[in-house]
Amino acid sequence: MPVSADQQRPDKDTNDQPADGLPINELFYSIQGEGNLAGIPSVFIRTSGCNLRCWFCDSYHTSWDPTHAWMEIDAIVDEVETHEQADHVVITGGEPMIHDEIEPLIERLADSGYHITVETNGTIYREVPIDLASISPKLASSTPTAERDPKGDGEWADRHEQRRIDMDALTRLVDSYESQLKFVVTNDGDMDEITSLVEDLRSATETAVQNSEVLLMPEGMTTDRLAETRQPTAELAMEYGYQFTPRLHVNLWEDAPGR
């Protein structure tokens, strides 16, 4: 169910939003396209709103130009349950962990027996029953400098750069949940930062971070762009001993909403 008919921008009057609601950009059934669970049929709950602004964001309408409809927790769970063939739920964004009401939603879904993946940029920790924390720390190459900013003004560059890594939140996420570290790779220049961040995490966490839990994902929102980035990223994964992850949903459906 891509949310469209009732979309509103968060900067408009939202006094009628439900007290226990969330800004939902999309709610749909598809397959997981990334990470260790790639290929698993899943229900996706995409919240709107983000505390970062990656220039290559593949969900532009949750960050740079956020749109959504407000949905009550009951309505979200009811919609998830209509997809009877799915027992995996992926909560994504935007950045879903910025919303307080994500906690009761996750608790409701966990009580219903769903396997829950939360896709997060790793800057916010919450104590909730997550089965897989899919953590995508943002590298320096994600910063929307003036020449890369989709809006062309570089207004978000400083805020993004200051917020993109929170070691305390990253450490708590890795120590609290089964996790995978999923890095968007733009080119081989990202590798020094990736290896440094992984080593810093290994020093900070009680949980041993395995190379198989470090995933390199090619940057790209279209099949044409992935054709350029996929092979170099796979070769970097082999060189460094990390795992390569595809973007199956892009290969299958480009960047179509509801996929």
Protein backbone atom coordinates (compact mmCIF):
# COMPACT_ATOMS: atom_id res chain seq x y z
CA MET A 1 0.00 0.00 0.00
CA PRO A 2 1.99 3.01 -1.12
CA VAL A 3 0.57 5.94 0.82
CA SER A 4 -0.56 8.54 -1.67
CA ALA A 5 -4.17 9.62 -1.39
CA ASP A 6 -3.76 11.17 2.04
CA GLN A 7 -0.17 12.36 1.78
CA GLN A 8 0.73 15.57 3.52
CA ARG A 9 4.02 17.25 4.18
CA PRO A 10 5.20 17.31 7.78
CA ASP A 11 5.51 21.11 7.74
CA LYS A 12 1.78 21.45 7.18
CA ASP A 13 -0.86 21.48 9.92
CA THR A 14 -0.83 18.03 11.51
CA ASN A 15 -3.09 18.70 14.48
CA ASP A 16 -5.33 15.85 13.38
CA GLN A 17 -2.55 13.29 13.62
CA PRO A 18 -3.42 10.34 15.91
CA ALA A 19 -1.84 10.41 19.36
CA ASP A 20 -0.41 6.93 18.82
CA GLY A 21 0.32 7.34 15.13
CA LEU A 22 3.32 7.38 12.85
CA PRO A 23 4.04 9.22 9.59
CA ILE A 24 3.91 6.41 7.05
CA ASN A 25 5.23 6.99 3.55
CA GLU A 26 4.67 3.45 2.29
CA LEU A 27 3.36 0.14 3.59
CA PHE A 28 3.72 -2.71 1.10
CA TYR A 29 4.56 -6.36 0.50
CA SER A 30 7.69 -7.23 -1.47
CA ILE A 31 10.97 -9.09 -1.10
CA GLN A 32 13.90 -7.94 0.97
CA GLY A 33 16.41 -6.64 -1.55
CA GLU A 34 19.49 -6.13 0.62
CA GLY A 35 21.57 -7.78 3.28
CA ASN A 36 21.67 -11.25 4.77
CA LEU A 37 17.91 -11.74 4.32
CA ALA A 38 17.85 -10.70 0.65
CA GLY A 39 15.11 -12.54 -1.20
CA ILE A 40 12.84 -13.08 1.82
CA PRO A 41 9.19 -12.02 1.23
CA SER A 42 8.50 -9.24 3.74
CA VAL A 43 6.07 -6.50 4.64
CA PHE A 44 7.78 -3.11 4.55
CA ILE A 45 6.74 -0.23 6.80
CA ARG A 46 8.45 2.94 5.60
CA THR A 47 8.26 5.87 7.99
CA SER A 48 8.81 9.46 6.88
CA GLY A 49 11.37 11.81 8.35
CA CYS A 50 15.14 11.53 8.81
CA ASN A 51 17.84 13.18 10.89
CA LEU A 52 20.36 12.91 8.01
CA ARG A 53 20.39 13.87 4.32
CA CYS A 54 22.50 11.53 2.19
CA TRP A 55 22.83 12.93 -1.31
CA PHE A 56 22.15 9.48 -2.79
CA CYS A 57 19.13 8.72 -0.59
CA ASP A 58 16.96 6.08 -2.27
CA SER A 59 13.86 7.24 -0.40
CA TYR A 60 13.89 10.94 -1.27
CA HIS A 61 10.27 11.36 -0.19
CA THR A 62 11.08 10.45 3.39
CA SER A 63 14.03 12.78 3.82
CA TRP A 64 14.66 15.58 1.34
CA ASP A 65 10.99 16.09 0.47
CA PRO A 66 9.09 14.09 3.11
CA THR A 67 5.51 13.06 2.43
CA HIS A 68 3.32 10.76 4.47
CA ALA A 69 -0.07 9.92 5.86
CA TRP A 70 -0.56 9.53 9.60
CA MET A 71 -1.56 5.99 10.58
CA GLU A 72 -2.53 4.72 14.01
CA ILE A 73 -0.61 1.75 15.38
CA ASP A 74 -3.75 -0.43 15.18
CA ALA A 75 -4.21 0.47 11.50
CA ILE A 76 -0.58 -0.32 10.70
CA VAL A 77 -0.74 -3.72 12.38
CA ASP A 78 -4.07 -4.48 10.69
CA GLU A 79 -2.56 -3.68 7.29
CA VAL A 80 0.50 -5.85 7.97
CA GLU A 81 -1.76 -8.76 8.93
CA THR A 82 -3.55 -8.65 5.57
CA HIS A 83 -0.37 -10.08 4.03
CA GLU A 84 -0.89 -13.54 5.46
CA GLN A 85 1.97 -15.11 3.50
CA ALA A 86 4.61 -12.94 5.24
CA ASP A 87 6.16 -13.51 8.65
CA HIS A 88 8.96 -10.97 8.20
CA VAL A 89 8.45 -7.25 8.72
CA VAL A 90 11.02 -4.64 7.71
CA ILE A 91 10.75 -1.24 9.35
CA THR A 92 12.63 1.35 7.35
CA GLY A 93 12.61 5.01 6.43
CA GLY A 94 13.79 7.73 6.44
CA GLU A 95 15.09 6.94 9.89
CA PRO A 96 12.41 5.03 11.81
CA MET A 97 14.17 5.32 15.17
CA ILE A 98 13.56 9.08 15.40
CA HIS A 99 9.90 8.39 16.22
CA ASP A 100 8.86 7.56 19.80
CA GLU A 101 5.83 5.63 18.55
CA ILE A 102 8.09 3.16 16.76
CA GLU A 103 8.53 1.45 20.13
CA PRO A 104 4.89 0.37 20.67
CA LEU A 105 4.63 -0.59 17.00
CA ILE A 106 7.65 -2.90 17.23
CA GLU A 107 6.36 -4.37 20.50
CA ARG A 108 2.95 -5.09 18.94
CA LEU A 109 4.51 -6.76 15.92
CA ALA A 110 6.88 -8.81 18.09
CA ASP A 111 3.96 -9.96 20.25
CA SER A 112 2.28 -11.14 17.03
CA GLY A 113 5.28 -13.33 16.23
CA TYR A 114 6.80 -11.43 13.32
CA HIS A 115 10.51 -11.44 12.59
CA ILE A 116 11.43 -7.76 12.74
CA THR A 117 14.25 -6.08 10.84
CA VAL A 118 14.86 -2.40 11.53
CA GLU A 119 16.86 -0.53 8.91
CA THR A 120 18.64 2.35 10.63
CA ASN A 121 21.52 4.74 10.08
CA GLY A 122 22.84 3.81 13.53
CA THR A 123 22.61 7.21 15.19
CA ILE A 124 19.76 6.35 17.61
CA TYR A 125 19.42 3.45 20.04
CA ARG A 126 16.10 2.20 21.39
CA GLU A 127 15.47 -0.77 23.66
CA VAL A 128 12.92 -2.71 21.63
CA PRO A 129 12.51 -6.36 20.50
CA ILE A 130 14.39 -6.29 17.19
CA ASP A 131 15.44 -9.55 15.51
CA LEU A 132 17.88 -7.92 13.11
CA ALA A 133 19.34 -4.44 13.30
CA SER A 134 20.38 -3.59 9.75
CA ILE A 135 22.73 -0.71 10.46
CA SER A 136 23.92 1.53 7.64
CA PRO A 137 26.50 3.97 9.03
CA LYS A 138 26.90 6.93 6.73
CA LEU A 139 30.33 7.65 5.36
CA ALA A 140 31.89 11.00 4.52
CA SER A 141 31.04 10.31 0.87
CA SER A 142 27.32 10.55 1.77
CA THR A 143 27.54 14.21 2.82
CA PRO A 144 25.43 16.48 0.59
CA THR A 145 28.04 19.02 -0.39
CA ALA A 146 26.84 21.88 -2.59
CA GLU A 147 27.77 20.09 -5.80
CA ARG A 148 25.95 16.90 -4.72
CA ASP A 149 22.99 18.33 -2.81
CA PRO A 150 19.75 17.39 -4.67
CA LYS A 151 18.41 20.84 -3.81
CA GLY A 152 21.63 22.50 -4.96
CA ASP A 153 22.39 24.63 -1.91
CA GLY A 154 24.46 22.45 0.45
CA GLU A 155 22.35 23.65 3.38
CA TRP A 156 22.41 20.23 5.07
CA ALA A 157 26.12 19.51 4.65
CA ASP A 158 27.31 20.62 8.10
CA ARG A 159 24.39 19.07 10.02
CA HIS A 160 24.73 15.79 8.17
CA GLU A 161 28.49 15.65 8.73
CA GLN A 162 28.13 16.35 12.45
CA ARG A 163 25.39 13.75 12.98
CA ARG A 164 26.25 10.90 10.63
CA ILE A 165 28.30 8.80 13.11
CA ASP A 166 27.33 8.21 16.74
CA MET A 167 29.71 5.63 18.21
CA ASP A 168 27.74 5.25 21.43
CA ALA A 169 24.54 4.42 19.54
CA LEU A 170 26.39 2.11 17.14
CA THR A 171 28.04 0.26 20.01
CA ARG A 172 24.76 -0.24 21.85
CA LEU A 173 22.99 -1.46 18.71
CA VAL A 174 25.70 -4.01 17.93
CA ASP A 175 25.86 -5.24 21.53
CA SER A 176 22.07 -5.44 21.93
CA TYR A 177 20.91 -7.10 18.71
CA GLU A 178 21.86 -9.48 15.99
CA SER A 179 23.15 -6.99 13.48
CA GLN A 180 24.67 -6.37 10.09
CA LEU A 181 26.72 -3.33 9.11
CA LYS A 182 25.68 -2.28 5.62
CA PHE A 183 27.85 0.32 3.93
CA VAL A 184 26.88 2.10 0.72
CA VAL A 185 30.05 2.16 -1.38
CA THR A 186 30.46 4.96 -3.90
CA ASN A 187 34.07 4.11 -4.85
CA ASP A 188 37.24 2.56 -3.44
CA GLY A 189 37.98 5.78 -1.59
CA ASP A 190 35.38 4.73 0.98
CA MET A 191 37.35 1.71 2.14
CA ASP A 192 39.76 3.43 4.53
CA GLU A 193 36.86 4.91 6.45
CA ILE A 194 34.95 1.60 6.46
CA THR A 195 37.90 -0.41 7.79
CA SER A 196 38.68 2.26 10.39
CA LEU A 197 35.08 2.40 11.61
CA VAL A 198 34.86 -1.41 11.80
CA GLU A 199 38.06 -1.53 13.87
CA ASP A 200 36.80 1.22 16.18
CA LEU A 201 33.59 -0.77 16.71
CA ARG A 202 35.52 -3.94 17.41
CA SER A 203 37.42 -2.06 20.10
CA ALA A 204 34.25 -0.62 21.62
CA THR A 205 31.81 -3.54 21.53
CA GLU A 206 31.61 -6.64 23.69
CA THR A 207 30.16 -8.46 20.68
CA ALA A 208 32.70 -9.70 18.16
CA VAL A 209 32.05 -8.07 14.79
CA GLN A 210 32.73 -10.65 12.09
CA ASN A 211 33.76 -9.80 8.52
CA SER A 212 30.63 -11.66 7.37
CA GLU A 213 28.58 -9.04 9.22
CA VAL A 214 30.20 -6.18 7.29
CA LEU A 215 28.28 -5.77 4.04
CA LEU A 216 29.34 -3.67 1.06
CA MET A 217 26.45 -2.46 -1.08
CA PRO A 218 26.87 -0.66 -4.42
CA GLU A 219 25.51 2.88 -4.62
CA GLY A 220 22.75 3.26 -7.16
CA MET A 221 19.00 3.75 -7.49
CA THR A 222 18.70 2.52 -11.08
CA THR A 223 19.87 -0.56 -12.94
CA ASP A 224 22.06 1.65 -15.16
CA ARG A 225 23.86 3.09 -12.15
CA LEU A 226 24.20 -0.32 -10.50
CA ALA A 227 25.75 -1.65 -13.70
CA GLU A 228 28.56 0.85 -13.05
CA THR A 229 29.02 0.26 -9.32
CA ARG A 230 28.13 -3.41 -8.77
CA GLN A 231 31.29 -5.12 -10.04
CA PRO A 232 33.79 -2.68 -8.44
CA THR A 233 31.99 -3.09 -5.10
CA ALA A 234 32.02 -6.89 -5.38
CA GLU A 235 35.76 -6.80 -6.10
CA LEU A 236 36.32 -4.61 -3.02
CA ALA A 237 34.37 -7.11 -0.91
CA MET A 238 36.66 -9.89 -2.12
CA GLU A 239 39.78 -7.79 -1.54
CA TYR A 240 38.88 -6.90 2.05
CA GLY A 241 37.11 -10.14 3.02
CA TYR A 242 33.75 -8.48 3.63
CA GLN A 243 30.38 -9.57 2.26
CA PHE A 244 28.87 -8.18 -0.94
CA THR A 245 25.15 -7.46 -0.88
CA PRO A 246 23.06 -6.83 -4.00
CA ARG A 247 20.13 -4.46 -4.37
CA LEU A 248 17.63 -6.96 -5.74
CA HIS A 249 14.66 -4.59 -5.62
CA VAL A 250 16.48 -2.09 -7.85
CA ASN A 251 17.50 -4.82 -10.28
CA LEU A 252 13.90 -6.04 -10.45
CA TRP A 253 11.87 -2.85 -10.25
CA GLU A 254 14.26 0.13 -10.53
CA ASP A 255 13.27 2.66 -7.82
CA ALA A 256 9.48 2.22 -8.16
CA PRO A 257 7.50 3.06 -4.99
CA GLY A 258 5.97 0.13 -3.19
CA ARG A 259 8.85 -2.15 -4.13
